[in-house]
Amino acid sequence: MSSDYASSSEGNLLLSKFDALSNDGPRRLILASQSPRRREILDMMGLSNRYTVTFSPLDEEALQIELAKTPISPIEYTKKLA
């Protein structure tokens, strides 16, 4: 039986699931970013044609400015941006 996690001296590490991502099936990675660098990184990882680029309608810059004005924990900040 295989596990999604492997133990290490630094804790649990999530193992790769490249095989679960298909070129044309129901399991594809969704990249909600306009960054060409992020696409390049995914391609370098061997994920070419295993992801779909879907631009986020969220204005991340405006949201970051708004969130910076209020006291918020790093975890909550990340959740809001996710």
C-alpha atoms as a PDB file:
ATOM      1  CA  MET A   1       0.000   0.000   0.000  1.00  0.00           C
ATOM      2  CA  SER A   2       1.431   3.382  -0.951  1.00  0.00           C
ATOM      3  CA  SER A   3       1.146   6.519   1.098  1.00  0.00           C
ATOM      4  CA  ASP A   4       0.765  10.116   0.022  1.00  0.00           C
ATOM      5  CA  TYR A   5       3.317  11.091   2.642  1.00  0.00           C
ATOM      6  CA  ALA A   6       6.896  10.075   3.365  1.00  0.00           C
ATOM      7  CA  SER A   7       8.663  10.687   6.648  1.00  0.00           C
ATOM      8  CA  SER A   8      11.822  12.709   6.859  1.00  0.00           C
ATOM      9  CA  SER A   9      13.874  14.255   9.619  1.00  0.00           C
ATOM     10  CA  GLU A  10      11.989  17.509   8.973  1.00  0.00           C
ATOM     11  CA  GLY A  11       8.462  16.050   9.115  1.00  0.00           C
ATOM     12  CA  ASN A  12       6.061  14.737   6.508  1.00  0.00           C
ATOM     13  CA  LEU A  13       6.614  15.509   2.838  1.00  0.00           C
ATOM     14  CA  LEU A  14       3.835  15.253   0.284  1.00  0.00           C
ATOM     15  CA  LEU A  15       4.922  12.911  -2.504  1.00  0.00           C
ATOM     16  CA  SER A  16       4.507  13.759  -6.158  1.00  0.00           C
ATOM     17  CA  LYS A  17       1.257  12.864  -7.883  1.00  0.00           C
ATOM     18  CA  PHE A  18       2.399  13.557 -11.466  1.00  0.00           C
ATOM     19  CA  ASP A  19       0.855  10.299 -12.645  1.00  0.00           C
ATOM     20  CA  ALA A  20      -2.575  11.415 -11.422  1.00  0.00           C
ATOM     21  CA  LEU A  21      -2.486  14.479 -13.695  1.00  0.00           C
ATOM     22  CA  SER A  22      -3.514  13.647 -17.239  1.00  0.00           C
ATOM     23  CA  ASN A  23      -3.185  15.417 -20.562  1.00  0.00           C
ATOM     24  CA  ASP A  24      -6.856  15.129 -21.455  1.00  0.00           C
ATOM     25  CA  GLY A  25      -8.637  13.530 -18.526  1.00  0.00           C
ATOM     26  CA  PRO A  26     -10.595  14.918 -15.605  1.00  0.00           C
ATOM     27  CA  ARG A  27      -7.535  15.526 -13.424  1.00  0.00           C
ATOM     28  CA  ARG A  28      -5.613  18.568 -14.577  1.00  0.00           C
ATOM     29  CA  LEU A  29      -3.779  21.190 -12.626  1.00  0.00           C
ATOM     30  CA  ILE A  30      -5.332  24.667 -12.821  1.00  0.00           C
ATOM     31  CA  LEU A  31      -2.894  27.559 -12.888  1.00  0.00           C
ATOM     32  CA  ALA A  32      -4.765  30.734 -11.934  1.00  0.00           C
ATOM     33  CA  SER A  33      -1.870  33.017 -12.764  1.00  0.00           C
ATOM     34  CA  GLN A  34      -0.843  35.230 -15.620  1.00  0.00           C
ATOM     35  CA  SER A  35       2.824  34.724 -14.778  1.00  0.00           C
ATOM     36  CA  PRO A  36       4.814  33.286 -17.682  1.00  0.00           C
ATOM     37  CA  ARG A  37       7.483  32.290 -15.150  1.00  0.00           C
ATOM     38  CA  ARG A  38       5.060  30.031 -13.276  1.00  0.00           C
ATOM     39  CA  ARG A  39       4.146  28.315 -16.558  1.00  0.00           C
ATOM     40  CA  GLU A  40       7.839  27.912 -17.310  1.00  0.00           C
ATOM     41  CA  ILE A  41       8.437  26.326 -13.894  1.00  0.00           C
ATOM     42  CA  LEU A  42       5.565  23.865 -14.384  1.00  0.00           C
ATOM     43  CA  ASP A  43       6.935  22.960 -17.819  1.00  0.00           C
ATOM     44  CA  MET A  44      10.408  22.438 -16.357  1.00  0.00           C
ATOM     45  CA  MET A  45       8.845  20.110 -13.768  1.00  0.00           C
ATOM     46  CA  GLY A  46       7.535  17.926 -16.580  1.00  0.00           C
ATOM     47  CA  LEU A  47       3.942  19.130 -16.337  1.00  0.00           C
ATOM     48  CA  SER A  48       3.623  20.433 -19.907  1.00  0.00           C
ATOM     49  CA  ASN A  49       0.091  19.835 -21.198  1.00  0.00           C
ATOM     50  CA  ARG A  50      -1.041  18.689 -17.744  1.00  0.00           C
ATOM     51  CA  TYR A  51      -2.365  22.041 -16.615  1.00  0.00           C
ATOM     52  CA  THR A  52      -4.873  24.603 -17.758  1.00  0.00           C
ATOM     53  CA  VAL A  53      -4.242  28.328 -17.411  1.00  0.00           C
ATOM     54  CA  THR A  54      -7.333  30.071 -16.050  1.00  0.00           C
ATOM     55  CA  PHE A  55      -6.903  33.706 -15.211  1.00  0.00           C
ATOM     56  CA  SER A  56      -8.240  34.792 -11.860  1.00  0.00           C
ATOM     57  CA  PRO A  57     -10.843  37.573 -12.002  1.00  0.00           C
ATOM     58  CA  LEU A  58      -9.515  38.797  -8.660  1.00  0.00           C
ATOM     59  CA  ASP A  59      -7.486  42.007  -8.601  1.00  0.00           C
ATOM     60  CA  GLU A  60      -4.758  40.630  -6.339  1.00  0.00           C
ATOM     61  CA  GLU A  61      -2.866  43.915  -6.110  1.00  0.00           C
ATOM     62  CA  ALA A  62      -5.923  45.834  -4.894  1.00  0.00           C
ATOM     63  CA  LEU A  63      -6.750  43.072  -2.410  1.00  0.00           C
ATOM     64  CA  GLN A  64      -3.186  43.074  -1.056  1.00  0.00           C
ATOM     65  CA  ILE A  65      -3.386  46.849  -0.521  1.00  0.00           C
ATOM     66  CA  GLU A  66      -6.735  46.487   1.248  1.00  0.00           C
ATOM     67  CA  LEU A  67      -5.500  43.623   3.456  1.00  0.00           C
ATOM     68  CA  ALA A  68      -2.350  45.545   4.390  1.00  0.00           C
ATOM     69  CA  LYS A  69      -4.544  48.212   5.996  1.00  0.00           C
ATOM     70  CA  THR A  70      -6.089  45.797   8.502  1.00  0.00           C
ATOM     71  CA  PRO A  71      -4.407  43.675  11.179  1.00  0.00           C
ATOM     72  CA  ILE A  72      -4.547  40.108   9.923  1.00  0.00           C
ATOM     73  CA  SER A  73      -2.509  36.990  10.651  1.00  0.00           C
ATOM     74  CA  PRO A  74      -0.308  35.545   7.912  1.00  0.00           C
ATOM     75  CA  ILE A  75      -2.547  32.461   7.773  1.00  0.00           C
ATOM     76  CA  GLU A  76      -5.716  34.519   7.317  1.00  0.00           C
ATOM     77  CA  TYR A  77      -3.954  36.732   4.742  1.00  0.00           C
ATOM     78  CA  THR A  78      -3.034  33.633   2.728  1.00  0.00           C
ATOM     79  CA  LYS A  79      -6.560  32.235   2.959  1.00  0.00           C
ATOM     80  CA  LYS A  80      -8.010  35.502   1.646  1.00  0.00           C
ATOM     81  CA  LEU A  81      -5.659  35.483  -1.338  1.00  0.00           C
ATOM     82  CA  ALA A  82      -6.254  31.785  -2.100  1.00  0.00           C
END
